[in-house]
């Protein structure tokens, strides 16, 4: 029986989930909302883009500053560029075309967005961030080798890196963002 490791750093995970849906707020700010005064709506959208991404950036910077590094051993690596496309079409486009001109529509849209945030959280899809792609990072799901490595355990993890490919058996030193998400970036 495999022991499941609890996903730590809940705030970091929440920030990653919120930052993953932040492009939606950019689109909403462009479209506007007739129910809420423009200034308030633009401020809300701006905060929903800047705050989670800014705090995620600070989390990455803090992990680098405090040298929260872990050596990861690669078993099998799977590139997730296709997940970004699925994310864009399955999540952003439907929310973008929704009509925010009636209170019921706005409430239903916010409820649907809450469901998406919950699913991203629950299914550990919090690494899905369009801004990582914009800055040239790729997302890999890594299966640990069958050698009983105590750091990676039996659970797969996510590596955010600029590498184009990852080789089985390779050892990579990366910054820990959460128990299952690691970031390999320049110091």
Foldseek 3Di string as FASTA:
>chain_A
DADDDDKDPVVLLLLLLLLQCLVLLVLCLVVDEPVDPNVVSNVVSVCSNCVSVVVNVVLQVVLVVVVQKDKAAFADKDWVPVVLVCCCVVPRVVLSPFHRHDPVSVVVSVVVSVVSSVCCSVVVVSNRHVVLVVVQKIKMWGQGHPPQPVLLGRDIAIEIGNDPDDDHRDIDMFGDSISRYTYDDDD
